[in-house]
C-alpha atoms as a PDB file:
ATOM      1  CA  MET A   1       0.000   0.000   0.000  1.00  0.00           C
ATOM      2  CA  SER A   2       2.774   2.456   0.798  1.00  0.00           C
ATOM      3  CA  GLU A   3       4.149   2.108  -2.749  1.00  0.00           C
ATOM      4  CA  ILE A   4       0.797   3.250  -4.147  1.00  0.00           C
ATOM      5  CA  ILE A   5       0.782   6.144  -1.682  1.00  0.00           C
ATOM      6  CA  PHE A   6       4.346   7.075  -2.678  1.00  0.00           C
ATOM      7  CA  ASP A   7       3.353   7.088  -6.350  1.00  0.00           C
ATOM      8  CA  LYS A   8       0.404   9.402  -5.623  1.00  0.00           C
ATOM      9  CA  ILE A   9       2.533  11.709  -3.476  1.00  0.00           C
ATOM     10  CA  ALA A  10       5.189  11.879  -6.203  1.00  0.00           C
ATOM     11  CA  ALA A  11       2.495  12.728  -8.753  1.00  0.00           C
ATOM     12  CA  VAL A  12       1.125  15.517  -6.530  1.00  0.00           C
ATOM     13  CA  ILE A  13       4.607  16.960  -5.925  1.00  0.00           C
ATOM     14  CA  SER A  14       5.305  16.868  -9.647  1.00  0.00           C
ATOM     15  CA  ALA A  15       1.969  18.369 -10.701  1.00  0.00           C
ATOM     16  CA  LYS A  16       1.549  21.002  -7.990  1.00  0.00           C
ATOM     17  CA  LYS A  17       5.170  22.002  -7.396  1.00  0.00           C
ATOM     18  CA  GLY A  18       6.669  21.429 -10.847  1.00  0.00           C
ATOM     19  CA  VAL A  19       9.293  18.909  -9.726  1.00  0.00           C
ATOM     20  CA  ASN A  20      10.394  16.368 -12.338  1.00  0.00           C
ATOM     21  CA  ILE A  21       8.818  13.092 -11.191  1.00  0.00           C
ATOM     22  CA  GLU A  22      12.037  11.206 -12.022  1.00  0.00           C
ATOM     23  CA  LEU A  23      13.840  13.182  -9.289  1.00  0.00           C
ATOM     24  CA  ILE A  24      11.372  12.232  -6.549  1.00  0.00           C
ATOM     25  CA  LYS A  25      12.583   9.339  -4.419  1.00  0.00           C
ATOM     26  CA  ILE A  26      11.216   7.963  -1.136  1.00  0.00           C
ATOM     27  CA  GLU A  27      14.363   9.275   0.606  1.00  0.00           C
ATOM     28  CA  SER A  28      14.035  12.798  -0.843  1.00  0.00           C
ATOM     29  CA  SER A  29      13.646  15.650   1.599  1.00  0.00           C
ATOM     30  CA  PHE A  30      11.366  18.486   0.569  1.00  0.00           C
ATOM     31  CA  GLU A  31      14.405  20.776   0.703  1.00  0.00           C
ATOM     32  CA  GLU A  32      16.284  18.541  -1.775  1.00  0.00           C
ATOM     33  CA  LEU A  33      13.296  18.840  -4.103  1.00  0.00           C
ATOM     34  CA  GLY A  34      13.477  22.637  -3.916  1.00  0.00           C
ATOM     35  CA  LEU A  35      10.447  23.099  -1.674  1.00  0.00           C
ATOM     36  CA  ASP A  36      10.579  25.773   1.017  1.00  0.00           C
ATOM     37  CA  SER A  37       8.535  25.674   4.221  1.00  0.00           C
ATOM     38  CA  LEU A  38       5.506  27.359   2.622  1.00  0.00           C
ATOM     39  CA  ASP A  39       5.623  24.895  -0.287  1.00  0.00           C
ATOM     40  CA  ALA A  40       5.716  22.032   2.234  1.00  0.00           C
ATOM     41  CA  VAL A  41       2.644  23.345   4.081  1.00  0.00           C
ATOM     42  CA  GLU A  42       0.760  23.735   0.789  1.00  0.00           C
ATOM     43  CA  LEU A  43       1.876  20.262  -0.293  1.00  0.00           C
ATOM     44  CA  ILE A  44       0.589  18.648   2.902  1.00  0.00           C
ATOM     45  CA  ALA A  45      -2.760  20.419   2.422  1.00  0.00           C
ATOM     46  CA  ASP A  46      -2.870  19.103  -1.165  1.00  0.00           C
ATOM     47  CA  LEU A  47      -2.081  15.586   0.079  1.00  0.00           C
ATOM     48  CA  GLU A  48      -4.808  15.768   2.717  1.00  0.00           C
ATOM     49  CA  ASP A  49      -7.254  16.670  -0.071  1.00  0.00           C
ATOM     50  CA  GLU A  50      -5.898  13.984  -2.412  1.00  0.00           C
ATOM     51  CA  PHE A  51      -6.235  11.223   0.190  1.00  0.00           C
ATOM     52  CA  ASN A  52      -9.276  12.690   1.957  1.00  0.00           C
ATOM     53  CA  VAL A  53      -7.560  12.561   5.356  1.00  0.00           C
ATOM     54  CA  THR A  54      -6.594  14.968   8.110  1.00  0.00           C
ATOM     55  CA  ILE A  55      -3.113  14.835   9.562  1.00  0.00           C
ATOM     56  CA  PRO A  56      -2.916  16.059  13.179  1.00  0.00           C
ATOM     57  CA  ASN A  57      -1.262  19.483  13.501  1.00  0.00           C
ATOM     58  CA  ILE A  58       1.372  18.137  15.893  1.00  0.00           C
ATOM     59  CA  GLU A  59       2.475  15.704  13.182  1.00  0.00           C
ATOM     60  CA  LEU A  60       2.450  18.272  10.360  1.00  0.00           C
ATOM     61  CA  GLN A  61       5.535  20.095  11.579  1.00  0.00           C
ATOM     62  CA  ASN A  62       7.561  16.869  11.460  1.00  0.00           C
ATOM     63  CA  ILE A  63       6.886  16.104   7.788  1.00  0.00           C
ATOM     64  CA  LYS A  64       9.998  17.209   5.958  1.00  0.00           C
ATOM     65  CA  SER A  65      10.490  14.378   3.477  1.00  0.00           C
ATOM     66  CA  VAL A  66       8.608  12.178   1.071  1.00  0.00           C
ATOM     67  CA  LYS A  67       9.066   9.186   3.396  1.00  0.00           C
ATOM     68  CA  GLN A  68       7.615  11.083   6.365  1.00  0.00           C
ATOM     69  CA  ALA A  69       4.669  12.137   4.181  1.00  0.00           C
ATOM     70  CA  VAL A  70       4.041   8.509   3.193  1.00  0.00           C
ATOM     71  CA  ILE A  71       4.156   7.394   6.840  1.00  0.00           C
ATOM     72  CA  SER A  72       1.771  10.162   7.903  1.00  0.00           C
ATOM     73  CA  ILE A  73      -0.715   9.383   5.121  1.00  0.00           C
ATOM     74  CA  VAL A  74      -0.641   5.646   5.908  1.00  0.00           C
ATOM     75  CA  LYS A  75      -1.333   6.391   9.582  1.00  0.00           C
ATOM     76  CA  ALA A  76      -4.160   8.781   8.703  1.00  0.00           C
ATOM     77  CA  ILE A  77      -5.807   6.231   6.392  1.00  0.00           C
ATOM     78  CA  GLN A  78      -5.791   3.437   8.991  1.00  0.00           C
END
């Protein structure tokens, strides 16, 4: 399931933030992908909409990479 979530997250990052999808890896930090803190906040909001979930605010500030986003989405879905 997390591979499907990764693929969707990569697609959202690519579409909404203009990052080449080939550059997006599970280990990529948002900073490595050229996203600043505002971009990251907007991205998380986009992901919440995409997956129809709400990530607790306390957890939001810790999401700084694709892997952390995948983990947070998986937890929110369960």
